[in-house]
């Protein structure tokens, strides 16, 4: 594997891109297990925390499948998600603001259907991601956990196409990591407050309220974009 040392002051996106490159060029094959976090950290010259956050981000966007106690494996459908996101990127030179407009429109419906269809396990997963997001010690970790929160809500809709769309959103958002991290520092507290209300609305099966709150949640980010 041809991993290259990463300068310590580069961002999470650089780690993600190197792992994706190994998947795209076939050095990491579908079903193959990634090296342990410690080994990857040595190969890339970064902290294990950064590796952990990168693996988590890649799992959200469909590239990896993380199995508790066993490690991270290349998803059989990894290249499918990559092809779709690359297609969308190539046909549209979108901005973060345009992406947020689409997210507001679509994720409001994800939240609505999650409130209608979520089972106990779905709600438990959403709550876990909310707690991780609330307790995140760094802004970059907060952004990753927030994405996990949104992924869990999409999964709770029990609509495979919605789930696929959310993974594509995740991949597109990775391309805007720097800007999102910069924006999130000043709006974290507001996002956490609204996220709590979203969890409660889904738990109480208040579909319209969950939809409205998701619009509010994403509008906080949208309003912070210059």
Protein backbone atom coordinates (compact mmCIF):
# COMPACT_ATOMS: atom_id res chain seq x y z
CA UNK A 1 0.00 0.00 0.00
CA UNK A 2 1.37 3.40 -0.98
CA UNK A 3 0.22 5.63 1.87
CA UNK A 4 2.20 8.87 2.20
CA UNK A 5 3.06 10.89 5.29
CA UNK A 6 0.62 13.74 5.95
CA UNK A 7 1.81 17.08 7.27
CA UNK A 8 0.48 17.58 10.80
CA UNK A 9 -1.18 20.90 9.97
CA UNK A 10 -3.23 19.49 7.09
CA UNK A 11 -6.87 18.60 7.63
CA UNK A 12 -9.00 15.53 8.00
CA UNK A 13 -9.89 15.64 4.32
CA UNK A 14 -6.31 14.72 3.37
CA UNK A 15 -6.52 11.49 5.35
CA UNK A 16 -9.90 10.64 3.85
CA UNK A 17 -8.61 11.27 0.32
CA UNK A 18 -5.62 8.97 0.80
CA UNK A 19 -7.78 6.09 2.01
CA UNK A 20 -10.24 6.69 -0.84
CA UNK A 21 -7.34 6.69 -3.31
CA UNK A 22 -6.32 3.21 -2.14
CA UNK A 23 -9.89 2.02 -2.71
CA UNK A 24 -10.19 3.64 -6.15
CA UNK A 25 -6.90 2.28 -7.49
CA UNK A 26 -7.63 -1.22 -6.20
CA UNK A 27 -4.90 -1.42 -3.55
CA UNK A 28 -7.71 -1.79 -1.02
CA UNK A 29 -10.26 -4.18 -2.49
CA UNK A 30 -13.97 -4.67 -1.65
CA UNK A 31 -14.25 -6.71 1.53
CA UNK A 32 -10.62 -6.12 2.48
CA UNK A 33 -9.79 -5.04 6.01
CA UNK A 34 -7.93 -1.77 6.55
CA UNK A 35 -4.71 -1.83 8.58
CA UNK A 36 -5.27 -1.23 12.33
CA UNK A 37 -5.64 2.39 13.48
CA UNK A 38 -2.16 2.38 15.01
CA UNK A 39 -0.56 1.14 11.78
CA UNK A 40 -2.47 3.68 9.65
CA UNK A 41 -1.46 6.45 12.02
CA UNK A 42 2.20 5.45 11.57
CA UNK A 43 1.91 5.20 7.77
CA UNK A 44 0.24 8.60 7.46
CA UNK A 45 2.10 10.36 10.26
CA UNK A 46 -1.05 11.49 12.08
CA UNK A 47 -2.79 10.77 15.37
CA UNK A 48 -5.00 7.74 15.97
CA UNK A 49 -7.83 10.15 16.77
CA UNK A 50 -7.59 11.61 13.26
CA UNK A 51 -7.57 8.12 11.77
CA UNK A 52 -10.62 7.17 13.84
CA UNK A 53 -12.55 10.26 12.71
CA UNK A 54 -11.60 9.64 9.07
CA UNK A 55 -12.72 6.01 9.19
CA UNK A 56 -15.98 7.06 10.78
CA UNK A 57 -16.56 9.68 8.07
CA UNK A 58 -15.85 7.13 5.32
CA UNK A 59 -18.25 4.69 6.96
CA UNK A 60 -21.00 7.31 6.91
CA UNK A 61 -20.50 7.98 3.20
CA UNK A 62 -20.55 4.30 2.24
CA UNK A 63 -16.87 3.57 1.60
CA UNK A 64 -16.20 1.51 4.70
CA UNK A 65 -18.07 -0.89 6.93
CA UNK A 66 -16.95 -0.73 10.56
CA UNK A 67 -17.51 -3.93 12.55
CA UNK A 68 -17.18 -3.46 16.30
CA UNK A 69 -14.25 -5.45 17.65
CA UNK A 70 -13.06 -6.50 14.19
CA UNK A 71 -12.09 -3.33 12.35
CA UNK A 72 -12.94 -1.41 9.19
CA UNK A 73 -13.58 -3.15 5.88
CA UNK A 74 -13.97 -1.76 2.36
CA UNK A 75 -17.67 -1.70 1.49
CA UNK A 76 -18.66 -3.83 -1.50
CA UNK A 77 -20.56 -0.80 -2.87
CA UNK A 78 -17.79 1.75 -2.17
CA UNK A 79 -17.10 2.57 -5.81
CA UNK A 80 -20.80 2.88 -6.58
CA UNK A 81 -21.18 5.78 -4.15
CA UNK A 82 -17.98 7.32 -5.46
CA UNK A 83 -19.17 7.15 -9.09
CA UNK A 84 -22.48 8.83 -8.21
CA UNK A 85 -20.88 11.62 -6.18
CA UNK A 86 -18.25 12.21 -8.88
CA UNK A 87 -21.00 12.38 -11.51
CA UNK A 88 -22.92 14.97 -9.49
CA UNK A 89 -19.75 16.97 -8.90
CA UNK A 90 -18.75 16.90 -12.57
CA UNK A 91 -22.12 17.99 -13.94
CA UNK A 92 -22.58 20.76 -11.41
CA UNK A 93 -20.06 23.17 -9.95
CA UNK A 94 -22.15 23.50 -6.80
CA UNK A 95 -21.45 25.73 -3.83
CA UNK A 96 -21.92 24.85 -0.17
CA UNK A 97 -24.96 27.14 -0.07
CA UNK A 98 -26.63 25.31 -2.96
CA UNK A 99 -25.90 21.97 -1.29
CA UNK A 100 -27.49 23.24 1.92
CA UNK A 101 -30.64 24.29 0.03
CA UNK A 102 -31.03 20.75 -1.30
CA UNK A 103 -30.30 19.25 2.12
CA UNK A 104 -33.02 21.35 3.74
CA UNK A 105 -35.54 20.22 1.15
CA UNK A 106 -34.69 16.52 1.32
CA UNK A 107 -33.61 15.96 4.92
CA UNK A 108 -36.82 17.55 6.19
CA UNK A 109 -38.61 14.60 4.58
CA UNK A 110 -36.06 12.15 5.97
CA UNK A 111 -36.87 13.40 9.48
CA UNK A 112 -40.61 13.20 8.82
CA UNK A 113 -40.43 9.57 7.70
CA UNK A 114 -38.04 8.69 10.52
CA UNK A 115 -40.63 9.93 13.01
CA UNK A 116 -43.25 7.75 11.34
CA UNK A 117 -41.14 4.59 10.92
CA UNK A 118 -38.28 4.54 13.44
CA UNK A 119 -38.13 1.49 15.69
CA UNK A 120 -36.48 1.24 19.12
CA UNK A 121 -33.07 0.38 17.67
CA UNK A 122 -33.24 3.31 15.24
CA UNK A 123 -34.08 5.74 18.02
CA UNK A 124 -31.32 4.32 20.21
CA UNK A 125 -28.81 4.89 17.40
CA UNK A 126 -30.02 8.45 16.80
CA UNK A 127 -29.70 9.20 20.52
CA UNK A 128 -26.17 7.76 20.63
CA UNK A 129 -25.05 10.01 17.79
CA UNK A 130 -26.72 13.00 19.42
CA UNK A 131 -24.77 12.36 22.64
CA UNK A 132 -21.50 11.97 20.71
CA UNK A 133 -22.19 15.19 18.83
CA UNK A 134 -23.04 17.05 22.05
CA UNK A 135 -19.91 15.81 23.81
CA UNK A 136 -17.49 16.20 20.89
CA UNK A 137 -14.23 17.76 22.10
CA UNK A 138 -13.17 19.27 18.78
CA UNK A 139 -15.04 21.04 16.00
CA UNK A 140 -13.91 18.47 13.43
CA UNK A 141 -15.19 15.65 15.66
CA UNK A 142 -18.47 17.54 16.09
CA UNK A 143 -18.89 17.80 12.30
CA UNK A 144 -18.32 14.04 11.90
CA UNK A 145 -20.76 13.12 14.68
CA UNK A 146 -23.34 15.55 13.29
CA UNK A 147 -23.10 13.76 9.95
CA UNK A 148 -23.60 10.47 11.78
CA UNK A 149 -26.69 11.93 13.41
CA UNK A 150 -28.13 12.79 9.99
CA UNK A 151 -27.19 9.38 8.61
CA UNK A 152 -28.97 7.64 11.48
CA UNK A 153 -32.12 9.66 10.79
CA UNK A 154 -31.99 8.77 7.08
CA UNK A 155 -31.60 5.08 7.98
CA UNK A 156 -34.58 5.34 10.34
CA UNK A 157 -36.76 6.34 7.37
CA UNK A 158 -36.46 2.70 6.23
CA UNK A 159 -36.25 3.88 2.65
CA UNK A 160 -33.12 2.62 0.88
CA UNK A 161 -33.14 5.43 -1.66
CA UNK A 162 -33.27 8.06 1.10
CA UNK A 163 -30.39 6.28 2.80
CA UNK A 164 -28.41 6.28 -0.46
CA UNK A 165 -29.04 9.99 -0.99
CA UNK A 166 -27.80 10.76 2.52
CA UNK A 167 -24.57 8.84 1.89
CA UNK A 168 -24.06 10.84 -1.30
CA UNK A 169 -24.65 14.04 0.67
CA UNK A 170 -22.03 12.83 3.11
CA UNK A 171 -19.50 12.38 0.34
CA UNK A 172 -20.25 15.80 -1.16
CA UNK A 173 -19.97 17.41 2.27
CA UNK A 174 -16.51 15.89 2.73
CA UNK A 175 -15.36 18.04 -0.17
CA UNK A 176 -16.40 21.10 1.86
CA UNK A 177 -14.88 19.95 5.15
CA UNK A 178 -12.70 23.02 5.72
CA UNK A 179 -15.55 25.48 5.30
CA UNK A 180 -17.98 23.41 7.39
CA UNK A 181 -15.49 23.14 10.26
CA UNK A 182 -14.91 26.90 10.18
CA UNK A 183 -18.65 27.57 10.23
CA UNK A 184 -19.55 25.03 12.90
CA UNK A 185 -17.43 26.50 15.68
CA UNK A 186 -19.79 29.43 16.23
CA UNK A 187 -23.09 27.59 15.77
CA UNK A 188 -22.43 24.33 17.61
CA UNK A 189 -24.51 25.20 20.68
CA UNK A 190 -27.57 26.17 18.63
CA UNK A 191 -27.30 23.01 16.53
CA UNK A 192 -27.08 20.84 19.65
CA UNK A 193 -30.20 22.46 21.13
CA UNK A 194 -32.29 21.93 17.99
CA UNK A 195 -30.92 18.40 17.57
CA UNK A 196 -32.21 17.49 21.02
CA UNK A 197 -35.69 18.62 19.97
CA UNK A 198 -35.43 16.57 16.77
CA UNK A 199 -34.60 13.46 18.80
CA UNK A 200 -37.64 14.06 21.00
CA UNK A 201 -39.94 14.63 18.03
CA UNK A 202 -38.81 11.40 16.34
CA UNK A 203 -39.10 9.49 19.62
CA UNK A 204 -42.66 10.83 20.09
CA UNK A 205 -43.58 10.12 16.44
CA UNK A 206 -44.36 13.81 15.79
CA UNK A 207 -43.61 13.71 12.07
CA UNK A 208 -44.49 17.29 11.11
CA UNK A 209 -42.63 18.69 14.10
CA UNK A 210 -39.57 16.59 13.23
CA UNK A 211 -39.72 17.96 9.69
CA UNK A 212 -39.96 21.57 10.87
CA UNK A 213 -37.12 21.13 13.34
CA UNK A 214 -34.85 19.61 10.70
CA UNK A 215 -35.46 22.67 8.53
CA UNK A 216 -34.53 24.84 11.52
CA UNK A 217 -31.44 22.74 12.21
CA UNK A 218 -30.06 23.01 8.68
CA UNK A 219 -31.13 26.64 8.33
CA UNK A 220 -28.76 27.53 11.18
CA UNK A 221 -25.88 26.29 9.04
CA UNK A 222 -27.24 27.89 5.88
CA UNK A 223 -27.59 31.30 7.57
CA UNK A 224 -23.94 31.19 8.66
CA UNK A 225 -22.69 30.84 5.09
CA UNK A 226 -21.48 34.12 3.58
